[in-house]
Amino acid sequence: MASSDPVGDMIAMIKNANQRRHPKLAVPHSKLKEGVAQVLKSEGYLSDVKVVQEEKTPFKKTMWLFLKYDPENRRVLTDIKRVSTPGRRIFRGSGEVAKVLDGLGVTVLTTSRGILSSRKAKKLNVGGEIICKVW
């Protein structure tokens, strides 16, 4: 059965793997999920993101997310929360995006310029749909 919220499923998978301190996890690929993962990587919450073409099915791709931990094996990503859902979309302008933990965390937005962190969206003066908050 197909999921009605694939980004929410990816966020739950990241959260669960992080709690169990897994080094990596496999997620079904989509452009939106890859964009969110790239923002998490650029903000320092993931160490790497790799997209792999499946051998059995030529059109199916898998995305490997490599979780990041500090030298003492403590989690870098404390928590990740889904904000906008398929049933309730949350949109904010560039000046209306609230800080996460007073600037310690980041909000991931989908904008007209692509999927961006709240810091980059503020610099570019664009708003959009809030996908998730990470700290």
N, C-alpha and C. Protein backbone atom coordinates (compact mmCIF):
# COMPACT_ATOMS: atom_id res chain seq x y z
N MET A 1 0.84 -1.18 0.00
CA MET A 1 0.00 0.00 0.00
C MET A 1 0.88 1.24 0.00
N ALA A 2 0.55 2.20 -0.83
CA ALA A 2 1.33 3.42 -0.94
C ALA A 2 1.07 4.32 0.27
N SER A 3 2.09 5.05 0.65
CA SER A 3 1.99 5.96 1.78
C SER A 3 1.36 7.28 1.34
N SER A 4 0.58 7.88 2.23
CA SER A 4 0.00 9.18 1.91
C SER A 4 0.93 10.33 2.29
N ASP A 5 1.97 10.03 3.06
CA ASP A 5 2.93 11.05 3.48
C ASP A 5 4.36 10.48 3.44
N PRO A 6 4.96 10.37 2.25
CA PRO A 6 6.29 9.78 2.17
C PRO A 6 7.38 10.57 2.89
N VAL A 7 7.27 11.90 2.92
CA VAL A 7 8.27 12.71 3.64
C VAL A 7 8.13 12.46 5.14
N GLY A 8 6.91 12.34 5.63
CA GLY A 8 6.68 12.02 7.04
C GLY A 8 7.25 10.65 7.40
N ASP A 9 7.12 9.70 6.47
CA ASP A 9 7.70 8.38 6.70
C ASP A 9 9.22 8.46 6.78
N MET A 10 9.84 9.26 5.89
CA MET A 10 11.29 9.42 5.92
C MET A 10 11.74 10.05 7.23
N ILE A 11 11.01 11.05 7.70
CA ILE A 11 11.35 11.71 8.96
C ILE A 11 11.25 10.73 10.12
N ALA A 12 10.21 9.88 10.12
CA ALA A 12 10.07 8.87 11.17
C ALA A 12 11.21 7.85 11.11
N MET A 13 11.63 7.48 9.89
CA MET A 13 12.73 6.54 9.74
C MET A 13 14.04 7.13 10.26
N ILE A 14 14.28 8.40 9.96
CA ILE A 14 15.49 9.08 10.46
C ILE A 14 15.47 9.14 11.98
N LYS A 15 14.33 9.50 12.53
CA LYS A 15 14.20 9.62 13.98
C LYS A 15 14.44 8.27 14.66
N ASN A 16 13.85 7.19 14.14
CA ASN A 16 14.02 5.87 14.72
C ASN A 16 15.45 5.37 14.60
N ALA A 17 16.07 5.54 13.44
CA ALA A 17 17.45 5.09 13.25
C ALA A 17 18.41 5.88 14.14
N ASN A 18 18.12 7.16 14.32
CA ASN A 18 18.95 8.01 15.17
C ASN A 18 18.83 7.57 16.63
N GLN A 19 17.63 7.24 17.07
CA GLN A 19 17.43 6.79 18.45
C GLN A 19 18.19 5.49 18.73
N ARG A 20 18.25 4.60 17.71
CA ARG A 20 18.93 3.32 17.86
C ARG A 20 20.42 3.41 17.49
N ARG A 21 20.88 4.60 17.12
CA ARG A 21 22.27 4.88 16.74
C ARG A 21 22.77 4.02 15.58
N HIS A 22 21.91 3.86 14.57
CA HIS A 22 22.32 3.16 13.36
C HIS A 22 23.23 4.08 12.55
N PRO A 23 24.25 3.53 11.88
CA PRO A 23 25.15 4.39 11.11
C PRO A 23 24.53 4.88 9.80
N LYS A 24 23.61 4.09 9.22
CA LYS A 24 22.99 4.49 7.96
C LYS A 24 21.60 3.87 7.85
N LEU A 25 20.80 4.42 6.92
CA LEU A 25 19.49 3.85 6.66
C LEU A 25 19.13 4.04 5.20
N ALA A 26 18.30 3.14 4.69
CA ALA A 26 17.86 3.19 3.30
C ALA A 26 16.44 3.73 3.25
N VAL A 27 16.20 4.66 2.32
CA VAL A 27 14.90 5.30 2.15
C VAL A 27 14.55 5.25 0.67
N PRO A 28 13.30 4.95 0.31
CA PRO A 28 12.92 5.04 -1.11
C PRO A 28 13.13 6.47 -1.61
N HIS A 29 13.63 6.59 -2.84
CA HIS A 29 14.03 7.88 -3.37
C HIS A 29 12.87 8.67 -3.98
N SER A 30 12.89 9.97 -3.77
CA SER A 30 12.07 10.93 -4.52
C SER A 30 12.86 12.24 -4.51
N LYS A 31 12.55 13.13 -5.43
CA LYS A 31 13.29 14.40 -5.52
C LYS A 31 13.08 15.24 -4.27
N LEU A 32 11.85 15.24 -3.74
CA LEU A 32 11.56 16.02 -2.54
C LEU A 32 12.35 15.49 -1.34
N LYS A 33 12.34 14.17 -1.16
CA LYS A 33 13.08 13.58 -0.04
C LYS A 33 14.58 13.79 -0.19
N GLU A 34 15.08 13.74 -1.43
CA GLU A 34 16.49 13.99 -1.66
C GLU A 34 16.85 15.44 -1.32
N GLY A 35 15.96 16.38 -1.66
CA GLY A 35 16.20 17.78 -1.32
C GLY A 35 16.24 18.01 0.17
N VAL A 36 15.32 17.39 0.90
CA VAL A 36 15.31 17.51 2.37
C VAL A 36 16.59 16.92 2.94
N ALA A 37 17.01 15.76 2.44
CA ALA A 37 18.23 15.12 2.93
C ALA A 37 19.46 15.97 2.63
N GLN A 38 19.50 16.61 1.47
CA GLN A 38 20.64 17.47 1.12
C GLN A 38 20.71 18.69 2.05
N VAL A 39 19.55 19.24 2.43
CA VAL A 39 19.54 20.36 3.39
C VAL A 39 20.05 19.89 4.74
N LEU A 40 19.62 18.69 5.19
CA LEU A 40 20.09 18.15 6.46
C LEU A 40 21.61 17.91 6.42
N LYS A 41 22.11 17.49 5.27
CA LYS A 41 23.56 17.29 5.12
C LYS A 41 24.29 18.62 5.16
N SER A 42 23.78 19.62 4.44
CA SER A 42 24.47 20.92 4.41
C SER A 42 24.43 21.62 5.77
N GLU A 43 23.42 21.34 6.58
CA GLU A 43 23.34 21.93 7.92
C GLU A 43 24.10 21.13 8.97
N GLY A 44 24.67 19.97 8.58
CA GLY A 44 25.52 19.21 9.49
C GLY A 44 24.82 18.13 10.28
N TYR A 45 23.60 17.75 9.93
CA TYR A 45 22.88 16.71 10.66
C TYR A 45 23.10 15.32 10.07
N LEU A 46 23.48 15.23 8.80
CA LEU A 46 23.82 13.97 8.15
C LEU A 46 25.24 14.07 7.63
N SER A 47 25.96 12.95 7.63
CA SER A 47 27.33 12.99 7.12
C SER A 47 27.37 12.81 5.61
N ASP A 48 26.42 12.05 5.03
CA ASP A 48 26.43 11.85 3.59
C ASP A 48 25.05 11.38 3.11
N VAL A 49 24.78 11.62 1.84
CA VAL A 49 23.55 11.18 1.18
C VAL A 49 23.96 10.58 -0.16
N LYS A 50 23.57 9.32 -0.41
CA LYS A 50 23.90 8.67 -1.67
C LYS A 50 22.64 8.08 -2.29
N VAL A 51 22.47 8.31 -3.60
CA VAL A 51 21.35 7.75 -4.34
C VAL A 51 21.87 6.60 -5.18
N VAL A 52 21.24 5.42 -5.03
CA VAL A 52 21.70 4.21 -5.71
C VAL A 52 20.58 3.69 -6.60
N GLN A 53 20.93 3.35 -7.84
CA GLN A 53 19.98 2.77 -8.78
C GLN A 53 19.82 1.28 -8.45
N GLU A 54 18.58 0.81 -8.32
CA GLU A 54 18.32 -0.60 -8.05
C GLU A 54 18.66 -1.43 -9.28
N GLU A 55 19.28 -2.59 -9.10
CA GLU A 55 19.63 -3.45 -10.22
C GLU A 55 18.43 -4.21 -10.76
N LYS A 56 17.54 -4.64 -9.87
CA LYS A 56 16.39 -5.46 -10.29
C LYS A 56 15.37 -4.65 -11.07
N THR A 57 15.05 -3.46 -10.60
CA THR A 57 14.07 -2.60 -11.24
C THR A 57 14.78 -1.37 -11.79
N PRO A 58 14.74 -1.14 -13.09
CA PRO A 58 15.54 -0.03 -13.65
C PRO A 58 15.05 1.36 -13.27
N PHE A 59 13.81 1.51 -12.82
CA PHE A 59 13.29 2.85 -12.51
C PHE A 59 13.25 3.14 -11.02
N LYS A 60 13.63 2.18 -10.21
CA LYS A 60 13.56 2.36 -8.76
C LYS A 60 14.93 2.76 -8.21
N LYS A 61 14.93 3.78 -7.36
CA LYS A 61 16.16 4.23 -6.72
C LYS A 61 16.00 4.15 -5.21
N THR A 62 17.12 3.94 -4.54
CA THR A 62 17.16 3.95 -3.08
C THR A 62 18.13 5.03 -2.64
N MET A 63 17.77 5.72 -1.58
CA MET A 63 18.63 6.78 -1.05
C MET A 63 19.18 6.30 0.30
N TRP A 64 20.50 6.32 0.42
CA TRP A 64 21.16 5.95 1.67
C TRP A 64 21.52 7.22 2.43
N LEU A 65 21.04 7.31 3.66
CA LEU A 65 21.34 8.45 4.54
C LEU A 65 22.32 7.97 5.61
N PHE A 66 23.43 8.66 5.73
CA PHE A 66 24.45 8.31 6.72
C PHE A 66 24.33 9.28 7.88
N LEU A 67 23.92 8.76 9.04
CA LEU A 67 23.71 9.59 10.22
C LEU A 67 25.04 10.01 10.82
N LYS A 68 25.01 11.15 11.48
CA LYS A 68 26.24 11.75 12.02
C LYS A 68 26.21 11.70 13.54
N TYR A 69 27.35 11.32 14.11
CA TYR A 69 27.52 11.29 15.56
C TYR A 69 28.84 11.97 15.90
N ASP A 70 28.94 12.53 17.11
CA ASP A 70 30.19 13.18 17.49
C ASP A 70 31.22 12.11 17.92
N PRO A 71 32.46 12.49 18.20
CA PRO A 71 33.49 11.50 18.55
C PRO A 71 33.16 10.64 19.78
N GLU A 72 32.32 11.15 20.66
CA GLU A 72 31.94 10.38 21.85
C GLU A 72 30.65 9.59 21.62
N ASN A 73 30.23 9.41 20.36
CA ASN A 73 29.05 8.66 19.93
C ASN A 73 27.75 9.27 20.44
N ARG A 74 27.73 10.60 20.64
CA ARG A 74 26.48 11.28 20.98
C ARG A 74 25.82 11.75 19.70
N ARG A 75 24.50 11.80 19.70
CA ARG A 75 23.75 12.18 18.51
C ARG A 75 23.94 13.65 18.18
N VAL A 76 24.15 13.95 16.90
CA VAL A 76 24.19 15.33 16.42
C VAL A 76 22.77 15.83 16.24
N LEU A 77 21.90 14.98 15.70
CA LEU A 77 20.50 15.31 15.47
C LEU A 77 19.72 14.91 16.73
N THR A 78 19.26 15.90 17.49
CA THR A 78 18.53 15.63 18.72
C THR A 78 17.09 15.21 18.42
N ASP A 79 16.42 15.96 17.56
CA ASP A 79 15.03 15.65 17.22
C ASP A 79 14.68 16.27 15.87
N ILE A 80 13.68 15.69 15.22
CA ILE A 80 13.18 16.19 13.95
C ILE A 80 11.66 16.05 13.99
N LYS A 81 10.94 17.13 13.64
CA LYS A 81 9.48 17.14 13.71
C LYS A 81 8.89 17.56 12.38
N ARG A 82 7.88 16.84 11.94
CA ARG A 82 7.14 17.19 10.72
C ARG A 82 6.17 18.31 11.07
N VAL A 83 6.13 19.37 10.27
CA VAL A 83 5.25 20.50 10.53
C VAL A 83 4.07 20.48 9.57
N SER A 84 4.34 20.59 8.28
CA SER A 84 3.29 20.61 7.27
C SER A 84 2.95 19.19 6.87
N THR A 85 1.69 18.83 6.90
CA THR A 85 1.25 17.48 6.54
C THR A 85 0.37 17.56 5.30
N PRO A 86 0.08 16.43 4.66
CA PRO A 86 -0.80 16.48 3.49
C PRO A 86 -2.19 17.04 3.80
N GLY A 87 -2.65 16.88 5.02
CA GLY A 87 -3.96 17.40 5.40
C GLY A 87 -3.95 18.83 5.92
N ARG A 88 -2.77 19.32 6.28
CA ARG A 88 -2.66 20.67 6.84
C ARG A 88 -1.34 21.29 6.41
N ARG A 89 -1.39 22.06 5.36
CA ARG A 89 -0.18 22.71 4.84
C ARG A 89 0.07 24.00 5.61
N ILE A 90 1.33 24.24 5.94
CA ILE A 90 1.72 25.44 6.69
C ILE A 90 2.67 26.25 5.81
N PHE A 91 2.26 27.46 5.45
CA PHE A 91 3.08 28.36 4.63
C PHE A 91 3.46 29.58 5.45
N ARG A 92 4.68 30.07 5.26
CA ARG A 92 5.16 31.26 5.94
C ARG A 92 5.95 32.11 4.96
N GLY A 93 5.88 33.43 5.16
CA GLY A 93 6.70 34.36 4.39
C GLY A 93 8.13 34.36 4.91
N SER A 94 9.00 35.08 4.24
CA SER A 94 10.42 35.06 4.63
C SER A 94 10.66 35.63 6.03
N GLY A 95 9.90 36.61 6.43
CA GLY A 95 10.07 37.20 7.75
C GLY A 95 9.27 36.52 8.84
N GLU A 96 8.41 35.59 8.48
CA GLU A 96 7.53 34.94 9.45
C GLU A 96 8.04 33.59 9.94
N VAL A 97 9.15 33.10 9.40
CA VAL A 97 9.68 31.79 9.81
C VAL A 97 10.33 31.95 11.18
N ALA A 98 9.79 31.26 12.17
CA ALA A 98 10.29 31.37 13.54
C ALA A 98 11.60 30.60 13.70
N LYS A 99 12.43 31.07 14.62
CA LYS A 99 13.69 30.39 14.92
C LYS A 99 13.40 29.11 15.69
N VAL A 100 14.21 28.10 15.46
CA VAL A 100 14.09 26.83 16.19
C VAL A 100 15.11 26.84 17.30
N LEU A 101 14.66 26.70 18.53
CA LEU A 101 15.52 26.73 19.72
C LEU A 101 16.44 27.94 19.72
N ASP A 102 15.86 29.08 19.42
CA ASP A 102 16.57 30.37 19.42
C ASP A 102 17.79 30.36 18.51
N GLY A 103 17.65 29.70 17.36
CA GLY A 103 18.71 29.69 16.37
C GLY A 103 19.61 28.47 16.39
N LEU A 104 19.44 27.57 17.37
CA LEU A 104 20.28 26.37 17.42
C LEU A 104 19.82 25.31 16.41
N GLY A 105 18.55 25.32 16.07
CA GLY A 105 18.01 24.37 15.10
C GLY A 105 17.75 25.06 13.78
N VAL A 106 17.11 24.33 12.86
CA VAL A 106 16.84 24.86 11.53
C VAL A 106 15.47 24.36 11.06
N THR A 107 14.82 25.18 10.25
CA THR A 107 13.56 24.81 9.61
C THR A 107 13.85 24.51 8.15
N VAL A 108 13.25 23.44 7.62
CA VAL A 108 13.41 23.09 6.22
C VAL A 108 12.16 23.54 5.48
N LEU A 109 12.34 24.34 4.42
CA LEU A 109 11.22 24.88 3.65
C LEU A 109 11.33 24.46 2.20
N THR A 110 10.18 24.33 1.55
CA THR A 110 10.16 24.19 0.11
C THR A 110 9.68 25.52 -0.45
N THR A 111 10.51 26.13 -1.29
CA THR A 111 10.26 27.48 -1.79
C THR A 111 10.25 27.47 -3.31
N SER A 112 10.05 28.64 -3.89
CA SER A 112 10.10 28.77 -5.34
C SER A 112 11.53 28.60 -5.86
N ARG A 113 12.50 28.68 -4.98
CA ARG A 113 13.91 28.51 -5.35
C ARG A 113 14.45 27.14 -4.97
N GLY A 114 13.57 26.22 -4.61
CA GLY A 114 13.98 24.87 -4.24
C GLY A 114 13.79 24.63 -2.76
N ILE A 115 14.34 23.53 -2.28
CA ILE A 115 14.24 23.18 -0.86
C ILE A 115 15.42 23.81 -0.14
N LEU A 116 15.11 24.65 0.85
CA LEU A 116 16.14 25.45 1.53
C LEU A 116 15.99 25.36 3.03
N SER A 117 17.08 25.67 3.74
CA SER A 117 17.02 25.85 5.18
C SER A 117 16.47 27.25 5.46
N SER A 118 16.00 27.46 6.68
CA SER A 118 15.44 28.76 7.03
C SER A 118 16.50 29.86 6.94
N ARG A 119 17.73 29.53 7.24
CA ARG A 119 18.82 30.52 7.16
C ARG A 119 19.03 30.99 5.72
N LYS A 120 19.07 30.02 4.80
CA LYS A 120 19.30 30.37 3.40
C LYS A 120 18.08 31.08 2.82
N ALA A 121 16.86 30.67 3.23
CA ALA A 121 15.65 31.31 2.73
C ALA A 121 15.58 32.76 3.19
N LYS A 122 16.04 33.04 4.41
CA LYS A 122 16.05 34.42 4.90
C LYS A 122 17.02 35.28 4.10
N LYS A 123 18.18 34.71 3.76
CA LYS A 123 19.17 35.45 2.96
C LYS A 123 18.62 35.76 1.57
N LEU A 124 17.89 34.79 0.98
CA LEU A 124 17.32 34.98 -0.35
C LEU A 124 15.99 35.72 -0.32
N ASN A 125 15.46 35.99 0.89
CA ASN A 125 14.20 36.69 1.09
C ASN A 125 13.02 35.98 0.41
N VAL A 126 12.94 34.66 0.65
CA VAL A 126 11.82 33.87 0.11
C VAL A 126 11.17 33.09 1.25
N GLY A 127 9.90 32.85 1.11
CA GLY A 127 9.15 32.04 2.05
C GLY A 127 8.63 30.80 1.35
N GLY A 128 7.87 29.99 2.06
CA GLY A 128 7.32 28.79 1.44
C GLY A 128 6.67 27.89 2.44
N GLU A 129 6.52 26.64 2.06
CA GLU A 129 5.88 25.64 2.92
C GLU A 129 6.91 25.08 3.87
N ILE A 130 6.58 25.04 5.17
CA ILE A 130 7.48 24.50 6.18
C ILE A 130 7.34 22.98 6.18
N ILE A 131 8.40 22.28 5.86
CA ILE A 131 8.37 20.81 5.83
C ILE A 131 8.61 20.24 7.22
N CYS A 132 9.73 20.63 7.85
CA CYS A 132 10.05 20.09 9.17
C CYS A 132 10.98 21.03 9.94
N LYS A 133 11.11 20.76 11.22
CA LYS A 133 12.04 21.47 12.08
C LYS A 133 13.02 20.47 12.65
N VAL A 134 14.30 20.86 12.70
CA VAL A 134 15.37 19.96 13.13
C VAL A 134 16.21 20.68 14.18
N TRP A 135 16.60 19.94 15.21
CA TRP A 135 17.55 20.49 16.20
C TRP A 135 18.33 19.37 16.83
